[in-house]
């Protein structure tokens, strides 16, 4: 059975067997694992995951056509949740050490990633995320300090995750073929993270710095702190630097100082 992809849902169905095998192997699933797959499409990766004999496999699919199709295809081998992946609540899974697979819709991929990052005790919630992004977004996620792609997404993602690039994936591996390449990334939650009180504060800080990323850091520091000069001395910051010149940990330290002032 074939489906036309709904542009409104950002659907591009992965149909290259080699890439599907690569994703499945990257997940390293065993019979003790609880697995969630978001956006399973027609279930080609779902089939491969089932071959690994996970303890449970839950798929989250918004498209009712596909829910019906997956029900017929897999029956009670999987649990199907007909829900928007942005609306789905993960509360029942907080200590399950999940493996999460996702070929994320390009239009909401960063929002979904940020939603997961905001979960408390992330390393208890998930063992590994195996996720597909538009290449341009993936390049921003894995970007290093002093590079043009470095910014908010890299700083926020690397706060709680170790990130590894697995492969770039050609448009021809999908149906319909997107206009851009994709990239497969693996995220492993860190056991120890820089202790911040609220991820929203890190989002706020990085937004202020990178909304004018060509400006010197004096301007955002002055906006955030009355005594910005003392704070710059405390952190040994050259006020002539640009936002892309500061490493992740400097932003975490700035956020920590900001949070302490909120108390």
Protein backbone atom coordinates (compact mmCIF):
# COMPACT_ATOMS: atom_id res chain seq x y z
CA UNK A 1 0.00 0.00 0.00
CA UNK A 2 1.38 3.44 -0.93
CA UNK A 3 0.66 6.82 0.62
CA UNK A 4 0.99 10.31 -0.72
CA UNK A 5 3.02 12.37 1.73
CA UNK A 6 1.27 15.24 3.45
CA UNK A 7 3.32 18.40 3.13
CA UNK A 8 1.42 19.89 6.10
CA UNK A 9 2.90 17.13 8.31
CA UNK A 10 6.40 17.46 6.85
CA UNK A 11 6.30 13.86 5.61
CA UNK A 12 9.17 12.30 3.66
CA UNK A 13 9.14 8.51 3.88
CA UNK A 14 12.54 6.84 4.20
CA UNK A 15 12.76 3.89 1.81
CA UNK A 16 16.47 3.11 1.39
CA UNK A 17 17.15 -0.31 2.96
CA UNK A 18 20.83 0.43 3.66
CA UNK A 19 20.01 3.61 5.57
CA UNK A 20 17.16 1.90 7.43
CA UNK A 21 19.59 -0.85 8.50
CA UNK A 22 22.17 1.76 9.52
CA UNK A 23 19.64 3.55 11.75
CA UNK A 24 18.48 0.29 13.31
CA UNK A 25 22.06 -0.84 14.04
CA UNK A 26 22.94 2.57 15.48
CA UNK A 27 20.14 2.18 18.03
CA UNK A 28 21.76 -1.00 19.39
CA UNK A 29 18.42 -2.25 20.74
CA UNK A 30 18.20 -5.37 22.92
CA UNK A 31 15.38 -7.34 24.59
CA UNK A 32 15.47 -5.20 27.75
CA UNK A 33 14.89 -1.92 25.93
CA UNK A 34 11.73 0.14 25.75
CA UNK A 35 11.76 1.90 22.39
CA UNK A 36 9.79 4.89 21.14
CA UNK A 37 9.71 5.72 17.45
CA UNK A 38 8.30 9.12 16.53
CA UNK A 39 6.93 9.54 13.02
CA UNK A 40 7.16 5.88 11.92
CA UNK A 41 5.64 6.56 8.49
CA UNK A 42 4.91 3.28 6.74
CA UNK A 43 6.81 1.26 9.34
CA UNK A 44 9.96 0.24 7.45
CA UNK A 45 12.25 1.17 10.34
CA UNK A 46 9.64 -0.21 12.77
CA UNK A 47 10.08 -3.64 11.15
CA UNK A 48 13.84 -3.52 11.66
CA UNK A 49 13.50 -2.44 15.29
CA UNK A 50 11.08 -5.33 15.93
CA UNK A 51 13.72 -7.75 14.64
CA UNK A 52 15.86 -6.65 17.60
CA UNK A 53 13.12 -7.96 19.94
CA UNK A 54 12.71 -4.91 22.22
CA UNK A 55 10.79 -5.28 25.48
CA UNK A 56 8.24 -2.72 24.19
CA UNK A 57 7.92 -0.65 21.03
CA UNK A 58 5.69 2.41 21.07
CA UNK A 59 5.20 4.47 17.90
CA UNK A 60 3.79 8.01 17.87
CA UNK A 61 1.99 8.89 14.64
CA UNK A 62 -0.23 11.91 13.99
CA UNK A 63 -1.58 10.83 10.58
CA UNK A 64 -4.73 8.71 11.06
CA UNK A 65 -4.24 7.05 7.64
CA UNK A 66 -0.89 5.72 8.78
CA UNK A 67 -2.20 4.70 12.20
CA UNK A 68 -4.78 2.51 10.48
CA UNK A 69 -2.15 1.06 8.15
CA UNK A 70 0.32 0.35 10.98
CA UNK A 71 -2.42 -1.33 13.00
CA UNK A 72 -3.12 -3.72 10.15
CA UNK A 73 0.57 -4.29 9.49
CA UNK A 74 1.79 -4.92 13.05
CA UNK A 75 -1.27 -5.68 15.17
CA UNK A 76 -0.36 -6.09 18.84
CA UNK A 77 3.39 -6.32 18.17
CA UNK A 78 3.61 -2.58 18.78
CA UNK A 79 1.65 0.06 20.68
CA UNK A 80 0.45 2.88 18.43
CA UNK A 81 -0.27 6.31 19.85
CA UNK A 82 -2.24 8.60 17.53
CA UNK A 83 -0.87 11.93 18.72
CA UNK A 84 1.17 14.94 17.70
CA UNK A 85 4.77 14.32 18.77
CA UNK A 86 4.92 17.90 20.10
CA UNK A 87 1.86 17.31 22.31
CA UNK A 88 2.72 13.82 23.56
CA UNK A 89 3.47 13.57 27.30
CA UNK A 90 6.44 11.40 28.27
CA UNK A 91 5.61 11.31 32.00
CA UNK A 92 4.92 7.57 32.02
CA UNK A 93 8.44 6.93 30.68
CA UNK A 94 10.61 9.12 32.93
CA UNK A 95 12.66 6.26 34.39
CA UNK A 96 12.53 3.79 31.50
CA UNK A 97 15.94 4.50 29.93
CA UNK A 98 14.28 4.69 26.52
CA UNK A 99 15.83 4.47 23.10
CA UNK A 100 14.10 7.03 20.90
CA UNK A 101 14.19 6.94 17.10
CA UNK A 102 12.92 9.79 14.98
CA UNK A 103 12.93 10.93 11.38
CA UNK A 104 11.84 14.40 12.50
CA UNK A 105 9.70 16.70 10.34
CA UNK A 106 12.02 19.49 9.25
CA UNK A 107 9.58 22.23 10.24
CA UNK A 108 9.44 21.27 13.94
CA UNK A 109 12.65 19.27 14.51
CA UNK A 110 14.39 21.83 16.73
CA UNK A 111 11.23 22.31 18.82
CA UNK A 112 11.00 18.55 19.44
CA UNK A 113 14.68 18.32 20.35
CA UNK A 114 14.37 21.26 22.76
CA UNK A 115 11.30 19.66 24.37
CA UNK A 116 13.34 16.52 25.13
CA UNK A 117 16.33 18.51 26.41
CA UNK A 118 14.06 20.26 28.92
CA UNK A 119 13.11 16.94 30.57
CA UNK A 120 14.60 16.66 34.06
CA UNK A 121 17.01 13.78 34.77
CA UNK A 122 17.38 13.19 31.06
CA UNK A 123 19.85 10.32 31.50
CA UNK A 124 17.22 8.37 33.51
CA UNK A 125 14.60 9.07 30.87
CA UNK A 126 16.55 8.10 27.77
CA UNK A 127 19.60 6.00 27.00
CA UNK A 128 19.98 7.19 23.44
CA UNK A 129 18.28 9.34 20.79
CA UNK A 130 18.79 8.30 17.15
CA UNK A 131 17.48 11.24 15.15
CA UNK A 132 17.38 12.47 11.57
CA UNK A 133 17.55 16.19 10.81
CA UNK A 134 17.84 18.41 7.80
CA UNK A 135 21.62 18.64 7.25
CA UNK A 136 21.66 22.39 7.78
CA UNK A 137 20.05 21.95 11.23
CA UNK A 138 22.38 19.07 12.14
CA UNK A 139 25.38 21.24 11.21
CA UNK A 140 24.14 23.85 13.70
CA UNK A 141 23.62 21.22 16.43
CA UNK A 142 27.18 19.86 16.19
CA UNK A 143 28.92 23.18 15.42
CA UNK A 144 31.99 24.12 17.44
CA UNK A 145 32.98 27.47 18.92
CA UNK A 146 34.40 29.99 16.40
CA UNK A 147 32.56 28.50 13.41
CA UNK A 148 29.77 30.16 11.42
CA UNK A 149 27.14 27.52 12.40
CA UNK A 150 27.84 27.78 16.13
CA UNK A 151 24.99 29.28 18.12
CA UNK A 152 21.98 28.71 20.35
CA UNK A 153 21.19 25.22 19.10
CA UNK A 154 24.70 23.89 19.68
CA UNK A 155 24.96 25.46 23.14
CA UNK A 156 21.56 24.17 24.30
CA UNK A 157 22.00 20.68 22.75
CA UNK A 158 25.48 20.16 24.17
CA UNK A 159 24.40 21.20 27.66
CA UNK A 160 22.84 17.79 28.35
CA UNK A 161 23.98 15.61 25.44
CA UNK A 162 27.03 14.00 23.88
CA UNK A 163 26.37 14.20 20.14
CA UNK A 164 27.83 12.08 17.36
CA UNK A 165 27.31 12.45 13.64
CA UNK A 166 26.70 9.08 11.95
CA UNK A 167 26.09 9.93 8.28
CA UNK A 168 24.76 12.39 5.75
CA UNK A 169 21.80 11.02 3.80
CA UNK A 170 20.93 11.84 0.20
CA UNK A 171 17.45 13.12 -0.80
CA UNK A 172 17.04 10.08 -3.07
CA UNK A 173 16.72 7.87 0.03
CA UNK A 174 13.28 9.38 0.69
CA UNK A 175 9.95 9.41 -1.05
CA UNK A 176 9.12 12.08 -1.98
CA UNK A 177 12.72 13.29 -2.16
CA UNK A 178 13.26 16.46 -0.12
CA UNK A 179 15.22 19.31 -1.69
CA UNK A 180 18.01 19.05 0.88
CA UNK A 181 20.31 16.45 2.42
CA UNK A 182 19.60 14.96 5.82
CA UNK A 183 21.95 13.92 8.62
CA UNK A 184 21.69 11.11 11.17
CA UNK A 185 22.83 12.07 14.68
CA UNK A 186 23.05 10.10 17.93
CA UNK A 187 22.50 11.91 21.23
CA UNK A 188 23.61 10.30 24.49
CA UNK A 189 22.41 12.09 27.67
CA UNK A 190 25.25 13.11 29.98
CA UNK A 191 25.27 11.75 33.52
CA UNK A 192 26.72 15.00 34.85
CA UNK A 193 25.62 18.36 33.47
CA UNK A 194 26.29 21.98 34.35
CA UNK A 195 23.69 22.67 37.02
CA UNK A 196 21.20 25.28 35.81
CA UNK A 197 17.82 25.89 37.41
CA UNK A 198 15.69 26.31 34.30
CA UNK A 199 16.46 25.59 30.62
CA UNK A 200 14.31 28.60 29.68
CA UNK A 201 16.99 30.85 31.17
CA UNK A 202 19.63 29.33 28.90
CA UNK A 203 17.29 29.86 25.94
CA UNK A 204 16.82 33.48 27.03
CA UNK A 205 20.55 34.14 27.45
CA UNK A 206 21.54 32.60 24.12
CA UNK A 207 18.70 34.36 22.33
CA UNK A 208 19.95 37.74 23.56
CA UNK A 209 23.52 37.02 22.50
CA UNK A 210 22.82 35.47 19.10
CA UNK A 211 20.00 37.74 17.96
CA UNK A 212 22.82 40.14 17.11
CA UNK A 213 25.68 37.73 16.69
CA UNK A 214 27.90 40.12 14.75
CA UNK A 215 27.86 42.63 17.61
CA UNK A 216 30.47 42.55 20.37
CA UNK A 217 29.44 40.77 23.59
CA UNK A 218 29.53 44.03 25.56
CA UNK A 219 26.03 44.88 24.29
CA UNK A 220 24.18 41.71 25.46
CA UNK A 221 26.11 41.63 28.75
CA UNK A 222 25.13 45.24 29.39
CA UNK A 223 21.52 44.37 28.60
CA UNK A 224 21.52 41.43 31.05
CA UNK A 225 23.59 42.81 33.92
CA UNK A 226 23.90 46.24 35.54
CA UNK A 227 27.44 45.42 36.69
CA UNK A 228 28.43 43.81 33.38
CA UNK A 229 32.03 45.00 33.73
CA UNK A 230 32.51 43.12 37.02
CA UNK A 231 30.94 40.01 35.50
CA UNK A 232 33.18 40.23 32.46
CA UNK A 233 36.21 40.43 34.80
CA UNK A 234 34.94 37.51 36.88
CA UNK A 235 34.68 35.36 33.74
CA UNK A 236 37.84 36.84 32.14
CA UNK A 237 35.86 37.98 29.11
CA UNK A 238 37.18 40.30 26.45
CA UNK A 239 34.22 42.60 25.73
CA UNK A 240 35.37 42.96 22.11
CA UNK A 241 34.66 39.29 21.39
CA UNK A 242 31.65 38.18 19.33
CA UNK A 243 29.03 35.66 20.61
CA UNK A 244 30.48 32.86 18.45
CA UNK A 245 33.85 33.24 20.22
CA UNK A 246 32.51 32.13 23.63
CA UNK A 247 32.44 28.39 24.33
CA UNK A 248 29.47 26.44 25.69
CA UNK A 249 30.68 26.52 29.29
CA UNK A 250 30.99 30.31 29.25
CA UNK A 251 27.30 30.55 28.35
CA UNK A 252 26.41 28.10 31.13
CA UNK A 253 28.38 30.24 33.60
CA UNK A 254 26.67 33.43 32.37
CA UNK A 255 23.32 31.69 32.77
CA UNK A 256 24.20 30.57 36.31
CA UNK A 257 25.07 34.14 37.32
CA UNK A 258 21.85 35.39 35.73
CA UNK A 259 19.79 32.78 37.62
CA UNK A 260 21.40 33.71 40.94
CA UNK A 261 20.34 37.32 40.39
CA UNK A 262 16.75 36.18 39.84
CA UNK A 263 16.54 34.62 43.33
